[in-house]
Amino acid sequence: MKFWPVPESHSRRLPQGGEPGSFWENRDDRYHCGVDIYAPKGSAVRAIEEGEVIDVGEFTSPEVLPYWNRTYYILVRHHDGVVSKYAELEKVNIRVGDFVRGGQVIGLVGSVLNPEKITETSPSYIRRLKENGNQSMLHFELYEGTPARPANYLGGNSFGGKKPKNLLDATSYLKDSAS
């Protein structure tokens, strides 16, 4: 059984086919590596399935891009070897080596963007997020095996049009838990 990762999300409809927040969305200078699930800041994030926490770390920071807030990520390896990445979290409730149950709260949704630092020179999709008020979300990625850390990957995006090794489309995986 799979659990919906953000019960307080605004919708259980997943963005698709180039919509904002969809998998491999073309953002002009980069491609989106995950699926965004919009939810109020501080909403509980739940493990979609049981697994072992294999990594926890910083995902975004204002030292890298001034319009980013500091957020975190969690990697969970499931029994079938698939690895889920939960990102743009304001708080992490678990540690590397922990075993999590499906449905267990593992963190809280963060707000990745600092609207006060978004200017007319910021990327167009960042300006649109500010205008739409969609600044808090769970960014969810899925990998077959441990994710590679390519040089062209930054903040959930791949630059240059090449998908990171082992990256899977999380849309169909999450659809099973959306009902």
N, C-alpha and C. Protein backbone atom coordinates (compact mmCIF):
# COMPACT_ATOMS: atom_id res chain seq x y z
N MET A 1 0.85 -1.19 0.00
CA MET A 1 0.00 0.00 0.00
C MET A 1 0.89 1.24 0.00
N LYS A 2 0.55 2.18 -0.87
CA LYS A 2 1.27 3.45 -0.92
C LYS A 2 0.43 4.53 -0.27
N PHE A 3 1.11 5.45 0.41
CA PHE A 3 0.44 6.55 1.08
C PHE A 3 0.68 7.84 0.30
N TRP A 4 -0.33 8.71 0.27
CA TRP A 4 -0.17 10.03 -0.32
C TRP A 4 0.78 10.81 0.58
N PRO A 5 1.83 11.42 0.01
CA PRO A 5 2.88 12.00 0.86
C PRO A 5 2.50 13.28 1.60
N VAL A 6 1.48 14.00 1.14
CA VAL A 6 1.12 15.26 1.81
C VAL A 6 -0.41 15.32 1.95
N PRO A 7 -0.93 14.74 3.03
CA PRO A 7 -2.39 14.73 3.19
C PRO A 7 -3.06 16.11 3.15
N GLU A 8 -2.31 17.17 3.53
CA GLU A 8 -2.88 18.52 3.53
C GLU A 8 -2.65 19.26 2.21
N SER A 9 -2.28 18.54 1.15
CA SER A 9 -2.01 19.19 -0.13
C SER A 9 -3.27 19.86 -0.66
N HIS A 10 -3.07 20.88 -1.49
CA HIS A 10 -4.20 21.62 -2.07
C HIS A 10 -5.02 20.73 -2.99
N SER A 11 -4.39 19.72 -3.58
CA SER A 11 -5.07 18.82 -4.51
C SER A 11 -4.29 17.52 -4.59
N ARG A 12 -4.96 16.47 -4.98
CA ARG A 12 -4.27 15.20 -5.24
C ARG A 12 -4.10 14.98 -6.74
N ARG A 13 -4.40 15.99 -7.49
CA ARG A 13 -4.16 15.94 -8.93
C ARG A 13 -2.69 16.29 -9.16
N LEU A 14 -2.00 15.43 -9.88
CA LEU A 14 -0.58 15.65 -10.15
C LEU A 14 -0.40 16.44 -11.44
N PRO A 15 0.51 17.41 -11.45
CA PRO A 15 0.78 18.15 -12.69
C PRO A 15 1.38 17.21 -13.74
N GLN A 16 0.98 17.40 -14.99
CA GLN A 16 1.44 16.53 -16.06
C GLN A 16 1.69 17.32 -17.34
N GLY A 17 2.41 16.69 -18.26
CA GLY A 17 2.56 17.19 -19.61
C GLY A 17 3.06 18.61 -19.74
N GLY A 18 4.06 19.00 -18.98
CA GLY A 18 4.61 20.34 -19.10
C GLY A 18 3.95 21.38 -18.22
N GLU A 19 2.91 21.00 -17.48
CA GLU A 19 2.29 21.93 -16.53
C GLU A 19 3.31 22.31 -15.46
N PRO A 20 3.15 23.48 -14.83
CA PRO A 20 4.07 23.86 -13.76
C PRO A 20 4.13 22.78 -12.67
N GLY A 21 5.35 22.39 -12.33
CA GLY A 21 5.56 21.38 -11.31
C GLY A 21 5.54 19.95 -11.80
N SER A 22 5.35 19.76 -13.12
CA SER A 22 5.29 18.40 -13.66
C SER A 22 6.70 17.84 -13.89
N PHE A 23 6.76 16.52 -14.02
CA PHE A 23 8.03 15.85 -14.28
C PHE A 23 8.57 16.27 -15.64
N TRP A 24 9.83 16.59 -15.67
CA TRP A 24 10.60 16.98 -16.86
C TRP A 24 9.99 18.20 -17.55
N GLU A 25 9.37 19.08 -16.78
CA GLU A 25 8.84 20.35 -17.29
C GLU A 25 10.00 21.18 -17.82
N ASN A 26 9.83 21.72 -19.02
CA ASN A 26 10.85 22.59 -19.63
C ASN A 26 10.72 23.98 -19.00
N ARG A 27 11.77 24.39 -18.29
CA ARG A 27 11.78 25.69 -17.62
C ARG A 27 12.75 26.65 -18.31
N ASP A 28 12.81 26.55 -19.60
CA ASP A 28 13.64 27.37 -20.47
C ASP A 28 15.13 27.04 -20.34
N ASP A 29 15.72 27.25 -19.17
CA ASP A 29 17.15 26.99 -19.01
C ASP A 29 17.43 25.70 -18.25
N ARG A 30 16.38 24.96 -17.88
CA ARG A 30 16.53 23.74 -17.08
C ARG A 30 15.28 22.87 -17.20
N TYR A 31 15.39 21.63 -16.75
CA TYR A 31 14.26 20.70 -16.74
C TYR A 31 14.01 20.23 -15.31
N HIS A 32 12.74 20.12 -14.95
CA HIS A 32 12.32 19.75 -13.60
C HIS A 32 12.43 18.24 -13.41
N CYS A 33 13.13 17.81 -12.38
CA CYS A 33 13.42 16.39 -12.15
C CYS A 33 12.39 15.68 -11.27
N GLY A 34 11.42 16.37 -10.78
CA GLY A 34 10.45 15.74 -9.89
C GLY A 34 9.04 16.16 -10.19
N VAL A 35 8.18 15.93 -9.21
CA VAL A 35 6.78 16.34 -9.25
C VAL A 35 6.55 17.21 -8.02
N ASP A 36 5.93 18.36 -8.19
CA ASP A 36 5.65 19.25 -7.06
C ASP A 36 4.22 19.04 -6.58
N ILE A 37 4.08 18.89 -5.27
CA ILE A 37 2.77 18.76 -4.63
C ILE A 37 2.62 19.97 -3.72
N TYR A 38 1.77 20.90 -4.13
CA TYR A 38 1.60 22.16 -3.41
C TYR A 38 0.78 21.95 -2.14
N ALA A 39 1.27 22.53 -1.05
CA ALA A 39 0.61 22.39 0.25
C ALA A 39 1.03 23.55 1.14
N PRO A 40 0.24 23.84 2.17
CA PRO A 40 0.63 24.92 3.09
C PRO A 40 1.96 24.61 3.77
N LYS A 41 2.74 25.65 3.98
CA LYS A 41 4.01 25.52 4.69
C LYS A 41 3.74 24.89 6.05
N GLY A 42 4.58 23.94 6.43
CA GLY A 42 4.43 23.26 7.71
C GLY A 42 3.56 22.01 7.66
N SER A 43 2.98 21.70 6.49
CA SER A 43 2.17 20.49 6.36
C SER A 43 3.04 19.25 6.56
N ALA A 44 2.47 18.22 7.16
CA ALA A 44 3.19 16.97 7.39
C ALA A 44 3.49 16.27 6.07
N VAL A 45 4.71 15.75 5.95
CA VAL A 45 5.12 14.93 4.81
C VAL A 45 5.27 13.51 5.33
N ARG A 46 4.62 12.58 4.64
CA ARG A 46 4.61 11.18 5.07
C ARG A 46 5.38 10.31 4.07
N ALA A 47 6.02 9.28 4.59
CA ALA A 47 6.70 8.30 3.73
C ALA A 47 5.63 7.59 2.92
N ILE A 48 5.84 7.46 1.61
CA ILE A 48 4.83 6.80 0.77
C ILE A 48 4.83 5.29 0.96
N GLU A 49 6.00 4.75 1.34
CA GLU A 49 6.15 3.33 1.62
C GLU A 49 7.23 3.15 2.67
N GLU A 50 7.30 1.97 3.23
CA GLU A 50 8.35 1.72 4.22
C GLU A 50 9.71 1.67 3.53
N GLY A 51 10.74 1.95 4.30
CA GLY A 51 12.08 1.90 3.77
C GLY A 51 13.10 2.43 4.76
N GLU A 52 14.35 2.45 4.30
CA GLU A 52 15.46 2.92 5.13
C GLU A 52 15.91 4.29 4.66
N VAL A 53 16.12 5.20 5.61
CA VAL A 53 16.62 6.53 5.29
C VAL A 53 18.11 6.39 4.98
N ILE A 54 18.50 6.74 3.74
CA ILE A 54 19.89 6.59 3.33
C ILE A 54 20.65 7.91 3.24
N ASP A 55 19.93 9.03 3.25
CA ASP A 55 20.60 10.33 3.22
C ASP A 55 19.62 11.42 3.63
N VAL A 56 20.16 12.44 4.27
CA VAL A 56 19.42 13.65 4.65
C VAL A 56 20.40 14.79 4.43
N GLY A 57 19.93 15.90 3.86
CA GLY A 57 20.84 17.02 3.66
C GLY A 57 20.14 18.28 3.22
N GLU A 58 20.95 19.29 2.95
CA GLU A 58 20.44 20.58 2.49
C GLU A 58 20.10 20.49 1.00
N PHE A 59 18.94 21.02 0.64
CA PHE A 59 18.48 20.98 -0.75
C PHE A 59 18.65 22.34 -1.43
N THR A 60 18.21 23.40 -0.78
CA THR A 60 18.36 24.75 -1.32
C THR A 60 18.87 25.66 -0.22
N SER A 61 19.55 26.74 -0.63
CA SER A 61 20.00 27.73 0.35
C SER A 61 20.19 29.08 -0.33
N PRO A 62 20.03 30.16 0.43
CA PRO A 62 20.22 31.50 -0.13
C PRO A 62 21.66 31.77 -0.52
N GLU A 63 22.60 30.98 -0.02
CA GLU A 63 24.00 31.16 -0.42
C GLU A 63 24.23 30.69 -1.86
N VAL A 64 23.37 29.79 -2.34
CA VAL A 64 23.49 29.30 -3.72
C VAL A 64 22.71 30.21 -4.67
N LEU A 65 21.46 30.48 -4.35
CA LEU A 65 20.63 31.42 -5.11
C LEU A 65 19.90 32.32 -4.13
N PRO A 66 20.00 33.63 -4.29
CA PRO A 66 19.47 34.56 -3.27
C PRO A 66 17.96 34.46 -3.07
N TYR A 67 17.20 33.99 -4.07
CA TYR A 67 15.74 33.90 -3.89
C TYR A 67 15.31 32.57 -3.26
N TRP A 68 16.25 31.72 -2.91
CA TRP A 68 15.93 30.47 -2.22
C TRP A 68 15.96 30.65 -0.70
N ASN A 69 15.08 29.93 -0.03
CA ASN A 69 15.19 29.74 1.41
C ASN A 69 15.98 28.45 1.64
N ARG A 70 16.40 28.24 2.86
CA ARG A 70 17.09 26.98 3.20
C ARG A 70 16.04 25.88 3.34
N THR A 71 16.19 24.81 2.57
CA THR A 71 15.32 23.65 2.68
C THR A 71 16.18 22.38 2.68
N TYR A 72 15.53 21.26 2.98
CA TYR A 72 16.24 20.00 3.16
C TYR A 72 15.60 18.89 2.32
N TYR A 73 16.33 17.78 2.20
CA TYR A 73 15.81 16.61 1.49
C TYR A 73 16.04 15.36 2.33
N ILE A 74 15.27 14.31 2.00
CA ILE A 74 15.40 12.99 2.61
C ILE A 74 15.39 11.98 1.47
N LEU A 75 16.30 11.01 1.51
CA LEU A 75 16.29 9.88 0.57
C LEU A 75 15.88 8.62 1.34
N VAL A 76 14.87 7.90 0.83
CA VAL A 76 14.41 6.65 1.44
C VAL A 76 14.51 5.55 0.38
N ARG A 77 15.25 4.47 0.74
CA ARG A 77 15.34 3.30 -0.15
C ARG A 77 14.25 2.31 0.27
N HIS A 78 13.43 1.92 -0.70
CA HIS A 78 12.34 0.99 -0.46
C HIS A 78 12.80 -0.44 -0.74
N HIS A 79 12.01 -1.41 -0.33
CA HIS A 79 12.38 -2.83 -0.43
C HIS A 79 12.70 -3.27 -1.86
N ASP A 80 12.14 -2.62 -2.87
CA ASP A 80 12.39 -2.98 -4.27
C ASP A 80 13.60 -2.27 -4.86
N GLY A 81 14.32 -1.50 -4.05
CA GLY A 81 15.50 -0.78 -4.51
C GLY A 81 15.23 0.61 -5.04
N VAL A 82 13.96 0.97 -5.22
CA VAL A 82 13.60 2.31 -5.67
C VAL A 82 13.87 3.29 -4.52
N VAL A 83 14.38 4.47 -4.86
CA VAL A 83 14.69 5.49 -3.87
C VAL A 83 13.80 6.71 -4.10
N SER A 84 13.11 7.12 -3.03
CA SER A 84 12.26 8.31 -3.05
C SER A 84 13.04 9.48 -2.48
N LYS A 85 12.92 10.62 -3.13
CA LYS A 85 13.55 11.84 -2.62
C LYS A 85 12.44 12.83 -2.28
N TYR A 86 12.37 13.20 -1.01
CA TYR A 86 11.42 14.18 -0.51
C TYR A 86 12.22 15.45 -0.30
N ALA A 87 11.85 16.53 -0.98
CA ALA A 87 12.68 17.73 -0.93
C ALA A 87 11.84 18.99 -0.73
N GLU A 88 12.56 20.08 -0.47
CA GLU A 88 12.00 21.39 -0.15
C GLU A 88 11.28 21.34 1.20
N LEU A 89 11.90 20.63 2.13
CA LEU A 89 11.36 20.48 3.48
C LEU A 89 11.92 21.56 4.39
N GLU A 90 11.07 22.09 5.28
CA GLU A 90 11.56 23.05 6.26
C GLU A 90 12.11 22.34 7.49
N LYS A 91 11.65 21.11 7.72
CA LYS A 91 12.09 20.35 8.89
C LYS A 91 12.13 18.87 8.54
N VAL A 92 13.13 18.18 9.08
CA VAL A 92 13.29 16.74 8.90
C VAL A 92 13.14 16.09 10.27
N ASN A 93 12.32 15.04 10.34
CA ASN A 93 12.04 14.37 11.62
C ASN A 93 12.78 13.05 11.80
N ILE A 94 13.63 12.67 10.88
CA ILE A 94 14.30 11.38 10.93
C ILE A 94 15.79 11.56 10.65
N ARG A 95 16.55 10.45 10.80
CA ARG A 95 18.00 10.49 10.57
C ARG A 95 18.42 9.35 9.65
N VAL A 96 19.59 9.48 9.09
CA VAL A 96 20.16 8.42 8.27
C VAL A 96 20.23 7.15 9.10
N GLY A 97 19.80 6.05 8.49
CA GLY A 97 19.80 4.75 9.17
C GLY A 97 18.46 4.39 9.77
N ASP A 98 17.57 5.37 9.94
CA ASP A 98 16.24 5.08 10.49
C ASP A 98 15.45 4.24 9.49
N PHE A 99 14.60 3.38 10.00
CA PHE A 99 13.65 2.63 9.18
C PHE A 99 12.31 3.32 9.35
N VAL A 100 11.67 3.70 8.24
CA VAL A 100 10.38 4.40 8.31
C VAL A 100 9.27 3.49 7.82
N ARG A 101 8.10 3.66 8.40
CA ARG A 101 6.91 2.94 7.98
C ARG A 101 6.16 3.78 6.94
N GLY A 102 5.43 3.14 6.06
CA GLY A 102 4.58 3.86 5.14
C GLY A 102 3.55 4.66 5.91
N GLY A 103 3.41 5.94 5.61
CA GLY A 103 2.47 6.82 6.30
C GLY A 103 3.07 7.56 7.48
N GLN A 104 4.30 7.22 7.86
CA GLN A 104 4.96 7.89 8.98
C GLN A 104 5.36 9.31 8.59
N VAL A 105 5.15 10.28 9.49
CA VAL A 105 5.58 11.65 9.24
C VAL A 105 7.11 11.70 9.31
N ILE A 106 7.72 12.19 8.22
CA ILE A 106 9.18 12.24 8.15
C ILE A 106 9.72 13.67 8.08
N GLY A 107 8.84 14.64 7.83
CA GLY A 107 9.26 16.02 7.73
C GLY A 107 8.08 16.94 7.54
N LEU A 108 8.39 18.23 7.30
CA LEU A 108 7.36 19.25 7.08
C LEU A 108 7.66 20.01 5.80
N VAL A 109 6.60 20.35 5.06
CA VAL A 109 6.71 21.12 3.83
C VAL A 109 7.34 22.48 4.14
N GLY A 110 8.26 22.87 3.29
CA GLY A 110 8.90 24.17 3.44
C GLY A 110 8.48 25.14 2.35
N SER A 111 9.00 26.33 2.45
CA SER A 111 8.78 27.35 1.43
C SER A 111 10.13 27.61 0.77
N VAL A 112 10.28 27.13 -0.44
CA VAL A 112 11.58 27.18 -1.11
C VAL A 112 11.97 28.60 -1.53
N LEU A 113 10.97 29.44 -1.80
CA LEU A 113 11.27 30.76 -2.34
C LEU A 113 11.11 31.88 -1.32
N ASN A 114 12.00 32.85 -1.40
CA ASN A 114 11.90 34.07 -0.62
C ASN A 114 11.39 35.15 -1.57
N PRO A 115 10.08 35.46 -1.51
CA PRO A 115 9.49 36.40 -2.47
C PRO A 115 10.16 37.77 -2.50
N GLU A 116 10.72 38.19 -1.37
CA GLU A 116 11.38 39.50 -1.31
C GLU A 116 12.65 39.55 -2.16
N LYS A 117 13.21 38.39 -2.49
CA LYS A 117 14.45 38.34 -3.26
C LYS A 117 14.21 38.01 -4.74
N ILE A 118 12.95 37.81 -5.13
CA ILE A 118 12.62 37.53 -6.53
C ILE A 118 12.48 38.85 -7.27
N THR A 119 13.25 39.00 -8.34
CA THR A 119 13.27 40.25 -9.11
C THR A 119 12.93 39.96 -10.57
N GLU A 120 12.90 41.01 -11.37
CA GLU A 120 12.63 40.85 -12.80
C GLU A 120 13.73 40.07 -13.52
N THR A 121 14.89 39.92 -12.90
CA THR A 121 15.97 39.13 -13.51
C THR A 121 15.92 37.66 -13.10
N SER A 122 15.03 37.29 -12.17
CA SER A 122 14.88 35.89 -11.78
C SER A 122 14.26 35.11 -12.93
N PRO A 123 14.51 33.79 -13.00
CA PRO A 123 13.90 32.98 -14.08
C PRO A 123 12.39 33.16 -14.13
N SER A 124 11.82 33.07 -15.33
CA SER A 124 10.39 33.33 -15.51
C SER A 124 9.52 32.39 -14.69
N TYR A 125 9.88 31.12 -14.58
CA TYR A 125 9.03 30.21 -13.80
C TYR A 125 9.07 30.56 -12.31
N ILE A 126 10.17 31.12 -11.82
CA ILE A 126 10.26 31.56 -10.42
C ILE A 126 9.34 32.77 -10.21
N ARG A 127 9.34 33.70 -11.17
CA ARG A 127 8.45 34.86 -11.07
C ARG A 127 6.98 34.41 -11.09
N ARG A 128 6.66 33.40 -11.93
CA ARG A 128 5.28 32.88 -11.99
C ARG A 128 4.87 32.25 -10.65
N LEU A 129 5.78 31.51 -10.02
CA LEU A 129 5.47 30.91 -8.72
C LEU A 129 5.17 32.00 -7.69
N LYS A 130 5.92 33.07 -7.73
CA LYS A 130 5.68 34.18 -6.81
C LYS A 130 4.30 34.80 -7.08
N GLU A 131 4.01 35.04 -8.35
CA GLU A 131 2.72 35.64 -8.72
C GLU A 131 1.55 34.75 -8.34
N ASN A 132 1.71 33.42 -8.49
CA ASN A 132 0.64 32.47 -8.18
C ASN A 132 0.55 32.15 -6.69
N GLY A 133 1.54 32.56 -5.93
CA GLY A 133 1.56 32.26 -4.50
C GLY A 133 1.94 30.83 -4.18
N ASN A 134 2.49 30.09 -5.17
CA ASN A 134 2.87 28.69 -4.97
C ASN A 134 4.34 28.61 -4.56
N GLN A 135 4.61 28.90 -3.31
CA GLN A 135 5.99 28.88 -2.87
C GLN A 135 6.27 27.77 -1.87
N SER A 136 5.24 27.06 -1.41
CA SER A 136 5.47 25.94 -0.49
C SER A 136 4.93 24.67 -1.13
N MET A 137 5.79 23.65 -1.10
CA MET A 137 5.45 22.40 -1.77
C MET A 137 6.38 21.30 -1.32
N LEU A 138 5.97 20.07 -1.61
CA LEU A 138 6.88 18.94 -1.54
C LEU A 138 7.38 18.71 -2.96
N HIS A 139 8.68 18.69 -3.14
CA HIS A 139 9.29 18.33 -4.41
C HIS A 139 9.66 16.85 -4.25
N PHE A 140 9.07 15.98 -5.10
CA PHE A 140 9.25 14.53 -4.96
C PHE A 140 9.92 13.98 -6.21
N GLU A 141 11.03 13.29 -6.01
CA GLU A 141 11.76 12.62 -7.10
C GLU A 141 11.81 11.13 -6.82
N LEU A 142 12.05 10.36 -7.88
CA LEU A 142 12.10 8.91 -7.77
C LEU A 142 13.26 8.38 -8.61
N TYR A 143 14.02 7.46 -8.05
CA TYR A 143 15.19 6.90 -8.73
C TYR A 143 15.19 5.38 -8.66
N GLU A 144 15.71 4.77 -9.69
CA GLU A 144 15.97 3.34 -9.68
C GLU A 144 17.38 3.17 -9.13
N GLY A 145 17.48 2.87 -7.85
CA GLY A 145 18.78 2.81 -7.19
C GLY A 145 19.17 4.16 -6.64
N THR A 146 20.36 4.23 -6.10
CA THR A 146 20.84 5.46 -5.46
C THR A 146 21.03 6.56 -6.50
N PRO A 147 20.49 7.77 -6.24
CA PRO A 147 20.63 8.87 -7.20
C PRO A 147 22.08 9.28 -7.42
N ALA A 148 22.40 9.55 -8.66
CA ALA A 148 23.70 10.13 -8.99
C ALA A 148 23.66 11.61 -8.60
N ARG A 149 24.81 12.22 -8.44
CA ARG A 149 24.89 13.65 -8.13
C ARG A 149 25.59 14.36 -9.29
N PRO A 150 24.89 14.49 -10.42
CA PRO A 150 25.55 15.11 -11.58
C PRO A 150 25.82 16.59 -11.38
N ALA A 151 26.84 17.07 -12.04
CA ALA A 151 27.21 18.48 -11.95
C ALA A 151 26.12 19.39 -12.50
N ASN A 152 25.29 18.87 -13.42
CA ASN A 152 24.27 19.71 -14.04
C ASN A 152 22.94 19.69 -13.28
N TYR A 153 22.93 19.21 -12.04
CA TYR A 153 21.72 19.15 -11.21
C TYR A 153 21.80 20.21 -10.11
N LEU A 154 20.72 20.98 -9.94
CA LEU A 154 20.68 21.99 -8.88
C LEU A 154 19.24 22.22 -8.47
N GLY A 155 18.95 22.04 -7.19
CA GLY A 155 17.64 22.37 -6.64
C GLY A 155 16.48 21.71 -7.33
N GLY A 156 16.63 20.44 -7.70
CA GLY A 156 15.54 19.71 -8.35
C GLY A 156 15.43 19.92 -9.84
N ASN A 157 16.44 20.52 -10.43
CA ASN A 157 16.44 20.80 -11.87
C ASN A 157 17.71 20.28 -12.52
N SER A 158 17.57 19.89 -13.78
CA SER A 158 18.72 19.44 -14.56
C SER A 158 18.97 20.47 -15.66
N PHE A 159 20.20 20.93 -15.75
CA PHE A 159 20.58 21.90 -16.77
C PHE A 159 21.16 21.15 -17.97
N GLY A 160 20.89 21.64 -19.16
CA GLY A 160 21.46 21.04 -20.36
C GLY A 160 20.60 19.96 -21.00
N GLY A 161 19.44 19.67 -20.44
CA GLY A 161 18.51 18.75 -21.08
C GLY A 161 18.79 17.27 -20.90
N LYS A 162 19.80 16.91 -20.14
CA LYS A 162 20.12 15.51 -19.94
C LYS A 162 19.61 15.06 -18.57
N LYS A 163 18.78 13.99 -18.56
CA LYS A 163 18.23 13.49 -17.31
C LYS A 163 19.33 12.87 -16.45
N PRO A 164 19.27 13.11 -15.13
CA PRO A 164 20.21 12.43 -14.24
C PRO A 164 20.06 10.91 -14.35
N LYS A 165 21.15 10.21 -14.14
CA LYS A 165 21.17 8.76 -14.22
C LYS A 165 20.15 8.18 -13.24
N ASN A 166 19.39 7.20 -13.70
CA ASN A 166 18.42 6.44 -12.89
C ASN A 166 17.17 7.22 -12.52
N LEU A 167 17.01 8.46 -12.98
CA LEU A 167 15.82 9.25 -12.65
C LEU A 167 14.59 8.65 -13.31
N LEU A 168 13.53 8.47 -12.52
CA LEU A 168 12.26 7.93 -13.00
C LEU A 168 11.18 9.01 -12.92
N ASP A 169 10.15 8.86 -13.74
CA ASP A 169 8.99 9.75 -13.67
C ASP A 169 8.15 9.33 -12.47
N ALA A 170 8.06 10.17 -11.47
CA ALA A 170 7.35 9.85 -10.23
C ALA A 170 5.84 9.96 -10.38
N THR A 171 5.35 10.48 -11.49
CA THR A 171 3.92 10.73 -11.66
C THR A 171 3.10 9.44 -11.51
N SER A 172 3.44 8.41 -12.29
CA SER A 172 2.65 7.19 -12.22
C SER A 172 2.81 6.49 -10.87
N TYR A 173 3.99 6.60 -10.28
CA TYR A 173 4.24 6.00 -8.96
C TYR A 173 3.34 6.64 -7.91
N LEU A 174 3.22 7.96 -7.97
CA LEU A 174 2.38 8.68 -7.00
C LEU A 174 0.88 8.52 -7.27
N LYS A 175 0.50 8.28 -8.54
CA LYS A 175 -0.92 8.13 -8.87
C LYS A 175 -1.56 7.03 -8.05
N ASP A 176 -0.82 5.95 -7.78
CA ASP A 176 -1.36 4.84 -6.99
C ASP A 176 -1.77 5.28 -5.59
N SER A 177 -1.15 6.32 -5.07
CA SER A 177 -1.44 6.76 -3.70
C SER A 177 -2.40 7.96 -3.67
N ALA A 178 -2.79 8.48 -4.83
CA ALA A 178 -3.60 9.70 -4.88
C ALA A 178 -5.07 9.48 -4.57
N SER A 179 -5.55 8.26 -4.68
CA SER A 179 -6.99 8.03 -4.45
C SER A 179 -7.33 7.82 -3.00
